[in-house]
Amino acid sequence: MSLFGTIYTDTELPHRARSVYMYLRDRSDKERKCWPGLNTIASDLHLSRSTVQRAIADLEKAGYIQKDHRNRDNGGCTSNLYTIIEEGRPP
């Protein structure tokens, strides 16, 4: 099986979601976690911010990633934490 597992054979997943998944997978650490901002993902992939948001929602719904909101010590928002879920299993 390839590095990206079943992502290529999932016919229900839009192309935008595959691109964002590969981006997140490429930037994840050994614990399969990464935290790029939406604007960074959009800029790097030459997609709109709203397209990235839809792709992340697609990936969450399909069970490929888990998204957790993060906050700064002062209560302000920061980038989300994304965890890659291998073959539909939590890390």
PDB file of N, CA and C in Angstrom:
ATOM      1  N   MET A   1       0.858  -1.175   0.000  1.00  0.00           N
ATOM      2  CA  MET A   1       0.000   0.000   0.000  1.00  0.00           C
ATOM      3  C   MET A   1       0.902   1.235   0.000  1.00  0.00           C
ATOM      4  N   SER A   2       0.454   2.255  -0.663  1.00  0.00           N
ATOM      5  CA  SER A   2       1.247   3.473  -0.758  1.00  0.00           C
ATOM      6  C   SER A   2       1.259   4.219   0.576  1.00  0.00           C
ATOM      7  N   LEU A   3       2.107   5.221   0.632  1.00  0.00           N
ATOM      8  CA  LEU A   3       2.232   6.046   1.827  1.00  0.00           C
ATOM      9  C   LEU A   3       0.895   6.663   2.226  1.00  0.00           C
ATOM     10  N   PHE A   4       0.068   6.991   1.250  1.00  0.00           N
ATOM     11  CA  PHE A   4      -1.191   7.671   1.524  1.00  0.00           C
ATOM     12  C   PHE A   4      -2.375   6.721   1.656  1.00  0.00           C
ATOM     13  N   GLY A   5      -2.111   5.428   1.691  1.00  0.00           N
ATOM     14  CA  GLY A   5      -3.154   4.443   1.965  1.00  0.00           C
ATOM     15  C   GLY A   5      -4.330   4.527   1.019  1.00  0.00           C
ATOM     16  N   THR A   6      -5.501   4.625   1.588  1.00  0.00           N
ATOM     17  CA  THR A   6      -6.732   4.552   0.795  1.00  0.00           C
ATOM     18  C   THR A   6      -7.188   5.888   0.232  1.00  0.00           C
ATOM     19  N   ILE A   7      -6.461   6.937   0.472  1.00  0.00           N
ATOM     20  CA  ILE A   7      -6.895   8.269   0.023  1.00  0.00           C
ATOM     21  C   ILE A   7      -7.070   8.323  -1.496  1.00  0.00           C
ATOM     22  N   TYR A   8      -6.241   7.577  -2.230  1.00  0.00           N
ATOM     23  CA  TYR A   8      -6.324   7.591  -3.692  1.00  0.00           C
ATOM     24  C   TYR A   8      -7.534   6.829  -4.216  1.00  0.00           C
ATOM     25  N   THR A   9      -7.962   5.824  -3.499  1.00  0.00           N
ATOM     26  CA  THR A   9      -9.057   4.986  -3.981  1.00  0.00           C
ATOM     27  C   THR A   9     -10.421   5.416  -3.463  1.00  0.00           C
ATOM     28  N   ASP A  10     -10.463   6.408  -2.614  1.00  0.00           N
ATOM     29  CA  ASP A  10     -11.729   6.899  -2.058  1.00  0.00           C
ATOM     30  C   ASP A  10     -12.418   7.787  -3.096  1.00  0.00           C
ATOM     31  N   THR A  11     -13.377   7.228  -3.804  1.00  0.00           N
ATOM     32  CA  THR A  11     -14.042   7.962  -4.893  1.00  0.00           C
ATOM     33  C   THR A  11     -15.001   9.035  -4.378  1.00  0.00           C
ATOM     34  N   GLU A  12     -15.352   8.985  -3.106  1.00  0.00           N
ATOM     35  CA  GLU A  12     -16.257   9.978  -2.527  1.00  0.00           C
ATOM     36  C   GLU A  12     -15.530  11.259  -2.121  1.00  0.00           C
ATOM     37  N   LEU A  13     -14.221  11.219  -2.052  1.00  0.00           N
ATOM     38  CA  LEU A  13     -13.434  12.355  -1.567  1.00  0.00           C
ATOM     39  C   LEU A  13     -13.083  13.297  -2.721  1.00  0.00           C
ATOM     40  N   PRO A  14     -13.415  14.593  -2.604  1.00  0.00           N
ATOM     41  CA  PRO A  14     -13.079  15.551  -3.665  1.00  0.00           C
ATOM     42  C   PRO A  14     -11.559  15.737  -3.804  1.00  0.00           C
ATOM     43  N   HIS A  15     -11.149  16.186  -4.959  1.00  0.00           N
ATOM     44  CA  HIS A  15      -9.724  16.409  -5.225  1.00  0.00           C
ATOM     45  C   HIS A  15      -9.117  17.410  -4.247  1.00  0.00           C
ATOM     46  N   ARG A  16      -9.885  18.431  -3.894  1.00  0.00           N
ATOM     47  CA  ARG A  16      -9.367  19.439  -2.957  1.00  0.00           C
ATOM     48  C   ARG A  16      -8.972  18.790  -1.638  1.00  0.00           C
ATOM     49  N   ALA A  17      -9.766  17.815  -1.196  1.00  0.00           N
ATOM     50  CA  ALA A  17      -9.491  17.147   0.073  1.00  0.00           C
ATOM     51  C   ALA A  17      -8.233  16.286  -0.024  1.00  0.00           C
ATOM     52  N   ARG A  18      -8.026  15.647  -1.162  1.00  0.00           N
ATOM     53  CA  ARG A  18      -6.804  14.854  -1.342  1.00  0.00           C
ATOM     54  C   ARG A  18      -5.573  15.749  -1.261  1.00  0.00           C
ATOM     55  N   SER A  19      -5.635  16.900  -1.902  1.00  0.00           N
ATOM     56  CA  SER A  19      -4.500  17.829  -1.879  1.00  0.00           C
ATOM     57  C   SER A  19      -4.198  18.303  -0.464  1.00  0.00           C
ATOM     58  N   VAL A  20      -5.228  18.667   0.263  1.00  0.00           N
ATOM     59  CA  VAL A  20      -5.033  19.150   1.631  1.00  0.00           C
ATOM     60  C   VAL A  20      -4.542  18.018   2.527  1.00  0.00           C
ATOM     61  N   TYR A  21      -5.051  16.814   2.329  1.00  0.00           N
ATOM     62  CA  TYR A  21      -4.585  15.663   3.117  1.00  0.00           C
ATOM     63  C   TYR A  21      -3.090  15.439   2.901  1.00  0.00           C
ATOM     64  N   MET A  22      -2.663  15.445   1.642  1.00  0.00           N
ATOM     65  CA  MET A  22      -1.240  15.231   1.351  1.00  0.00           C
ATOM     66  C   MET A  22      -0.386  16.342   1.956  1.00  0.00           C
ATOM     67  N   TYR A  23      -0.897  17.564   1.930  1.00  0.00           N
ATOM     68  CA  TYR A  23      -0.197  18.695   2.536  1.00  0.00           C
ATOM     69  C   TYR A  23      -0.040  18.476   4.044  1.00  0.00           C
ATOM     70  N   LEU A  24      -1.141  18.124   4.716  1.00  0.00           N
ATOM     71  CA  LEU A  24      -1.095  17.905   6.164  1.00  0.00           C
ATOM     72  C   LEU A  24      -0.211  16.715   6.505  1.00  0.00           C
ATOM     73  N   ARG A  25      -0.303  15.666   5.719  1.00  0.00           N
ATOM     74  CA  ARG A  25       0.517  14.477   5.953  1.00  0.00           C
ATOM     75  C   ARG A  25       2.002  14.806   5.810  1.00  0.00           C
ATOM     76  N   ASP A  26       2.329  15.615   4.818  1.00  0.00           N
ATOM     77  CA  ASP A  26       3.721  16.001   4.581  1.00  0.00           C
ATOM     78  C   ASP A  26       4.282  16.834   5.730  1.00  0.00           C
ATOM     79  N   ARG A  27       3.442  17.610   6.379  1.00  0.00           N
ATOM     80  CA  ARG A  27       3.898  18.492   7.446  1.00  0.00           C
ATOM     81  C   ARG A  27       3.709  17.924   8.845  1.00  0.00           C
ATOM     82  N   SER A  28       3.182  16.724   8.940  1.00  0.00           N
ATOM     83  CA  SER A  28       2.936  16.145  10.268  1.00  0.00           C
ATOM     84  C   SER A  28       4.217  15.573  10.871  1.00  0.00           C
ATOM     85  N   ASP A  29       4.236  15.541  12.214  1.00  0.00           N
ATOM     86  CA  ASP A  29       5.388  15.003  12.926  1.00  0.00           C
ATOM     87  C   ASP A  29       5.226  13.495  13.107  1.00  0.00           C
ATOM     88  N   LYS A  30       6.109  12.883  13.880  1.00  0.00           N
ATOM     89  CA  LYS A  30       6.049  11.426  14.043  1.00  0.00           C
ATOM     90  C   LYS A  30       4.815  10.974  14.816  1.00  0.00           C
ATOM     91  N   GLU A  31       4.161  11.889  15.500  1.00  0.00           N
ATOM     92  CA  GLU A  31       2.896  11.578  16.174  1.00  0.00           C
ATOM     93  C   GLU A  31       1.696  11.866  15.276  1.00  0.00           C
ATOM     94  N   ARG A  32       1.966  12.166  14.003  1.00  0.00           N
ATOM     95  CA  ARG A  32       0.954  12.470  12.977  1.00  0.00           C
ATOM     96  C   ARG A  32       0.165  13.732  13.292  1.00  0.00           C
ATOM     97  N   LYS A  33       0.817  14.719  13.897  1.00  0.00           N
ATOM     98  CA  LYS A  33       0.166  15.978  14.250  1.00  0.00           C
ATOM     99  C   LYS A  33       0.844  17.137  13.517  1.00  0.00           C
ATOM    100  N   CYS A  34       0.039  18.136  13.149  1.00  0.00           N
ATOM    101  CA  CYS A  34       0.572  19.364  12.560  1.00  0.00           C
ATOM    102  C   CYS A  34      -0.415  20.490  12.852  1.00  0.00           C
ATOM    103  N   TRP A  35       0.018  21.713  12.670  1.00  0.00           N
ATOM    104  CA  TRP A  35      -0.825  22.849  13.039  1.00  0.00           C
ATOM    105  C   TRP A  35      -0.643  24.052  12.112  1.00  0.00           C
ATOM    106  N   PRO A  36      -0.655  23.851  10.804  1.00  0.00           N
ATOM    107  CA  PRO A  36      -0.560  25.007   9.904  1.00  0.00           C
ATOM    108  C   PRO A  36      -1.858  25.816   9.931  1.00  0.00           C
ATOM    109  N   GLY A  37      -1.748  27.108   9.745  1.00  0.00           N
ATOM    110  CA  GLY A  37      -2.922  27.966   9.675  1.00  0.00           C
ATOM    111  C   GLY A  37      -3.637  27.809   8.343  1.00  0.00           C
ATOM    112  N   LEU A  38      -4.917  28.136   8.318  1.00  0.00           N
ATOM    113  CA  LEU A  38      -5.695  28.047   7.079  1.00  0.00           C
ATOM    114  C   LEU A  38      -5.104  28.901   5.970  1.00  0.00           C
ATOM    115  N   ASN A  39      -4.674  30.110   6.319  1.00  0.00           N
ATOM    116  CA  ASN A  39      -4.100  30.990   5.304  1.00  0.00           C
ATOM    117  C   ASN A  39      -2.803  30.417   4.741  1.00  0.00           C
ATOM    118  N   THR A  40      -2.017  29.769   5.582  1.00  0.00           N
ATOM    119  CA  THR A  40      -0.770  29.152   5.125  1.00  0.00           C
ATOM    120  C   THR A  40      -1.068  28.013   4.162  1.00  0.00           C
ATOM    121  N   ILE A  41      -2.005  27.152   4.523  1.00  0.00           N
ATOM    122  CA  ILE A  41      -2.377  26.036   3.646  1.00  0.00           C
ATOM    123  C   ILE A  41      -2.880  26.578   2.313  1.00  0.00           C
ATOM    124  N   ALA A  42      -3.775  27.546   2.382  1.00  0.00           N
ATOM    125  CA  ALA A  42      -4.347  28.122   1.158  1.00  0.00           C
ATOM    126  C   ALA A  42      -3.269  28.730   0.274  1.00  0.00           C
ATOM    127  N   SER A  43      -2.364  29.464   0.864  1.00  0.00           N
ATOM    128  CA  SER A  43      -1.295  30.099   0.096  1.00  0.00           C
ATOM    129  C   SER A  43      -0.359  29.064  -0.532  1.00  0.00           C
ATOM    130  N   ASP A  44       0.043  28.080   0.264  1.00  0.00           N
ATOM    131  CA  ASP A  44       0.965  27.059  -0.232  1.00  0.00           C
ATOM    132  C   ASP A  44       0.363  26.209  -1.350  1.00  0.00           C
ATOM    133  N   LEU A  45      -0.933  25.929  -1.270  1.00  0.00           N
ATOM    134  CA  LEU A  45      -1.595  25.088  -2.269  1.00  0.00           C
ATOM    135  C   LEU A  45      -2.278  25.882  -3.383  1.00  0.00           C
ATOM    136  N   HIS A  46      -2.219  27.216  -3.295  1.00  0.00           N
ATOM    137  CA  HIS A  46      -2.863  28.093  -4.280  1.00  0.00           C
ATOM    138  C   HIS A  46      -4.364  27.813  -4.363  1.00  0.00           C
ATOM    139  N   LEU A  47      -4.973  27.690  -3.185  1.00  0.00           N
ATOM    140  CA  LEU A  47      -6.411  27.497  -3.062  1.00  0.00           C
ATOM    141  C   LEU A  47      -6.979  28.648  -2.242  1.00  0.00           C
ATOM    142  N   SER A  48      -8.283  28.849  -2.313  1.00  0.00           N
ATOM    143  CA  SER A  48      -8.898  29.863  -1.458  1.00  0.00           C
ATOM    144  C   SER A  48      -9.037  29.314  -0.046  1.00  0.00           C
ATOM    145  N   ARG A  49      -9.149  30.220   0.902  1.00  0.00           N
ATOM    146  CA  ARG A  49      -9.319  29.819   2.303  1.00  0.00           C
ATOM    147  C   ARG A  49     -10.592  28.987   2.467  1.00  0.00           C
ATOM    148  N   SER A  50     -11.667  29.392   1.791  1.00  0.00           N
ATOM    149  CA  SER A  50     -12.930  28.652   1.914  1.00  0.00           C
ATOM    150  C   SER A  50     -12.824  27.248   1.302  1.00  0.00           C
ATOM    151  N   THR A  51     -12.049  27.088   0.246  1.00  0.00           N
ATOM    152  CA  THR A  51     -11.839  25.766  -0.340  1.00  0.00           C
ATOM    153  C   THR A  51     -11.093  24.873   0.641  1.00  0.00           C
ATOM    154  N   VAL A  52     -10.095  25.432   1.323  1.00  0.00           N
ATOM    155  CA  VAL A  52      -9.348  24.672   2.332  1.00  0.00           C
ATOM    156  C   VAL A  52     -10.284  24.274   3.473  1.00  0.00           C
ATOM    157  N   GLN A  53     -11.136  25.178   3.904  1.00  0.00           N
ATOM    158  CA  GLN A  53     -12.075  24.859   4.980  1.00  0.00           C
ATOM    159  C   GLN A  53     -13.014  23.725   4.571  1.00  0.00           C
ATOM    160  N   ARG A  54     -13.496  23.753   3.330  1.00  0.00           N
ATOM    161  CA  ARG A  54     -14.365  22.672   2.850  1.00  0.00           C
ATOM    162  C   ARG A  54     -13.598  21.350   2.785  1.00  0.00           C
ATOM    163  N   ALA A  55     -12.357  21.414   2.326  1.00  0.00           N
ATOM    164  CA  ALA A  55     -11.532  20.202   2.231  1.00  0.00           C
ATOM    165  C   ALA A  55     -11.305  19.590   3.611  1.00  0.00           C
ATOM    166  N   ILE A  56     -11.030  20.424   4.595  1.00  0.00           N
ATOM    167  CA  ILE A  56     -10.814  19.928   5.963  1.00  0.00           C
ATOM    168  C   ILE A  56     -12.096  19.302   6.506  1.00  0.00           C
ATOM    169  N   ALA A  57     -13.225  19.916   6.223  1.00  0.00           N
ATOM    170  CA  ALA A  57     -14.512  19.346   6.645  1.00  0.00           C
ATOM    171  C   ALA A  57     -14.742  17.995   5.965  1.00  0.00           C
ATOM    172  N   ASP A  58     -14.395  17.894   4.679  1.00  0.00           N
ATOM    173  CA  ASP A  58     -14.521  16.623   3.953  1.00  0.00           C
ATOM    174  C   ASP A  58     -13.652  15.548   4.602  1.00  0.00           C
ATOM    175  N   LEU A  59     -12.416  15.904   4.949  1.00  0.00           N
ATOM    176  CA  LEU A  59     -11.479  14.952   5.547  1.00  0.00           C
ATOM    177  C   LEU A  59     -11.932  14.501   6.925  1.00  0.00           C
ATOM    178  N   GLU A  60     -12.473  15.434   7.692  1.00  0.00           N
ATOM    179  CA  GLU A  60     -13.001  15.079   9.022  1.00  0.00           C
ATOM    180  C   GLU A  60     -14.180  14.119   8.898  1.00  0.00           C
ATOM    181  N   LYS A  61     -15.097  14.448   8.010  1.00  0.00           N
ATOM    182  CA  LYS A  61     -16.299  13.634   7.818  1.00  0.00           C
ATOM    183  C   LYS A  61     -15.936  12.214   7.359  1.00  0.00           C
ATOM    184  N   ALA A  62     -14.919  12.112   6.500  1.00  0.00           N
ATOM    185  CA  ALA A  62     -14.498  10.807   5.978  1.00  0.00           C
ATOM    186  C   ALA A  62     -13.613  10.037   6.962  1.00  0.00           C
ATOM    187  N   GLY A  63     -13.197  10.687   8.054  1.00  0.00           N
ATOM    188  CA  GLY A  63     -12.404  10.014   9.073  1.00  0.00           C
ATOM    189  C   GLY A  63     -10.909   9.969   8.808  1.00  0.00           C
ATOM    190  N   TYR A  64     -10.415  10.843   7.939  1.00  0.00           N
ATOM    191  CA  TYR A  64      -8.984  10.873   7.638  1.00  0.00           C
ATOM    192  C   TYR A  64      -8.183  11.751   8.598  1.00  0.00           C
ATOM    193  N   ILE A  65      -8.840  12.759   9.174  1.00  0.00           N
ATOM    194  CA  ILE A  65      -8.157  13.639  10.122  1.00  0.00           C
ATOM    195  C   ILE A  65      -9.072  13.941  11.295  1.00  0.00           C
ATOM    196  N   GLN A  66      -8.447  14.407  12.362  1.00  0.00           N
ATOM    197  CA  GLN A  66      -9.172  14.940  13.518  1.00  0.00           C
ATOM    198  C   GLN A  66      -8.694  16.371  13.694  1.00  0.00           C
ATOM    199  N   LYS A  67      -9.620  17.296  13.841  1.00  0.00           N
ATOM    200  CA  LYS A  67      -9.277  18.702  14.024  1.00  0.00           C
ATOM    201  C   LYS A  67      -9.623  19.119  15.444  1.00  0.00           C
ATOM    202  N   ASP A  68      -8.666  19.728  16.122  1.00  0.00           N
ATOM    203  CA  ASP A  68      -8.890  20.236  17.471  1.00  0.00           C
ATOM    204  C   ASP A  68      -8.564  21.719  17.498  1.00  0.00           C
ATOM    205  N   HIS A  69      -9.468  22.498  18.080  1.00  0.00           N
ATOM    206  CA  HIS A  69      -9.239  23.935  18.213  1.00  0.00           C
ATOM    207  C   HIS A  69      -8.213  24.179  19.315  1.00  0.00           C
ATOM    208  N   ARG A  70      -7.363  25.163  19.093  1.00  0.00           N
ATOM    209  CA  ARG A  70      -6.355  25.511  20.097  1.00  0.00           C
ATOM    210  C   ARG A  70      -6.509  26.987  20.454  1.00  0.00           C
ATOM    211  N   ASN A  71      -6.161  27.316  21.690  1.00  0.00           N
ATOM    212  CA  ASN A  71      -6.230  28.696  22.158  1.00  0.00           C
ATOM    213  C   ASN A  71      -4.909  29.110  22.795  1.00  0.00           C
ATOM    214  N   ARG A  72      -4.641  30.388  22.711  1.00  0.00           N
ATOM    215  CA  ARG A  72      -3.456  30.944  23.365  1.00  0.00           C
ATOM    216  C   ARG A  72      -3.737  31.087  24.856  1.00  0.00           C
ATOM    217  N   ASP A  73      -2.698  31.347  25.633  1.00  0.00           N
ATOM    218  CA  ASP A  73      -2.853  31.531  27.083  1.00  0.00           C
ATOM    219  C   ASP A  73      -3.800  32.672  27.419  1.00  0.00           C
ATOM    220  N   ASN A  74      -3.837  33.691  26.542  1.00  0.00           N
ATOM    221  CA  ASN A  74      -4.702  34.849  26.810  1.00  0.00           C
ATOM    222  C   ASN A  74      -6.139  34.626  26.319  1.00  0.00           C
ATOM    223  N   GLY A  75      -6.443  33.414  25.836  1.00  0.00           N
ATOM    224  CA  GLY A  75      -7.795  33.093  25.394  1.00  0.00           C
ATOM    225  C   GLY A  75      -8.029  33.287  23.912  1.00  0.00           C
ATOM    226  N   GLY A  76      -7.082  33.907  23.217  1.00  0.00           N
ATOM    227  CA  GLY A  76      -7.222  34.123  21.778  1.00  0.00           C
ATOM    228  C   GLY A  76      -7.063  32.832  20.998  1.00  0.00           C
ATOM    229  N   CYS A  77      -7.596  32.827  19.800  1.00  0.00           N
ATOM    230  CA  CYS A  77      -7.506  31.645  18.945  1.00  0.00           C
ATOM    231  C   CYS A  77      -6.155  31.577  18.249  1.00  0.00           C
ATOM    232  N   THR A  78      -5.695  30.374  18.007  1.00  0.00           N
ATOM    233  CA  THR A  78      -4.493  30.135  17.222  1.00  0.00           C
ATOM    234  C   THR A  78      -4.838  29.048  16.202  1.00  0.00           C
ATOM    235  N   SER A  79      -3.873  28.556  15.480  1.00  0.00           N
ATOM    236  CA  SER A  79      -4.161  27.559  14.449  1.00  0.00           C
ATOM    237  C   SER A  79      -4.700  26.267  15.063  1.00  0.00           C
ATOM    238  N   ASN A  80      -5.460  25.544  14.264  1.00  0.00           N
ATOM    239  CA  ASN A  80      -6.002  24.257  14.706  1.00  0.00           C
ATOM    240  C   ASN A  80      -4.898  23.211  14.751  1.00  0.00           C
ATOM    241  N   LEU A  81      -5.117  22.194  15.537  1.00  0.00           N
ATOM    242  CA  LEU A  81      -4.237  21.030  15.574  1.00  0.00           C
ATOM    243  C   LEU A  81      -4.898  19.941  14.744  1.00  0.00           C
ATOM    244  N   TYR A  82      -4.175  19.435  13.753  1.00  0.00           N
ATOM    245  CA  TYR A  82      -4.687  18.377  12.889  1.00  0.00           C
ATOM    246  C   TYR A  82      -3.939  17.091  13.198  1.00  0.00           C
ATOM    247  N   THR A  83      -4.672  16.014  13.382  1.00  0.00           N
ATOM    248  CA  THR A  83      -4.084  14.696  13.606  1.00  0.00           C
ATOM    249  C   THR A  83      -4.510  13.795  12.464  1.00  0.00           C
ATOM    250  N   ILE A  84      -3.525  13.199  11.807  1.00  0.00           N
ATOM    251  CA  ILE A  84      -3.793  12.268  10.717  1.00  0.00           C
ATOM    252  C   ILE A  84      -4.234  10.942  11.334  1.00  0.00           C
ATOM    253  N   ILE A  85      -5.339  10.410  10.856  1.00  0.00           N
ATOM    254  CA  ILE A  85      -5.843   9.134  11.336  1.00  0.00           C
ATOM    255  C   ILE A  85      -5.501   8.087  10.288  1.00  0.00           C
ATOM    256  N   GLU A  86      -4.659   7.145  10.669  1.00  0.00           N
ATOM    257  CA  GLU A  86      -4.215   6.100   9.740  1.00  0.00           C
ATOM    258  C   GLU A  86      -5.302   5.051   9.551  1.00  0.00           C
ATOM    259  N   GLU A  87      -5.657   4.819   8.309  1.00  0.00           N
ATOM    260  CA  GLU A  87      -6.599   3.757   7.946  1.00  0.00           C
ATOM    261  C   GLU A  87      -7.859   3.772   8.814  1.00  0.00           C
ATOM    262  N   GLY A  88      -8.344   4.975   9.124  1.00  0.00           N
ATOM    263  CA  GLY A  88      -9.585   5.087   9.862  1.00  0.00           C
ATOM    264  C   GLY A  88      -9.472   4.794  11.348  1.00  0.00           C
ATOM    265  N   ARG A  89      -8.240   4.651  11.861  1.00  0.00           N
ATOM    266  CA  ARG A  89      -8.060   4.389  13.291  1.00  0.00           C
ATOM    267  C   ARG A  89      -7.465   5.613  13.952  1.00  0.00           C
ATOM    268  N   PRO A  90      -7.922   5.983  15.144  1.00  0.00           N
ATOM    269  CA  PRO A  90      -7.320   7.106  15.862  1.00  0.00           C
ATOM    270  C   PRO A  90      -5.874   6.794  16.240  1.00  0.00           C
ATOM    271  N   PRO A  91      -5.042   7.845  16.416  1.00  0.00           N
ATOM    272  CA  PRO A  91      -3.621   7.632  16.767  1.00  0.00           C
ATOM    273  C   PRO A  91      -3.446   6.981  18.114  1.00  0.00           C
TER     274      PRO A  91
END
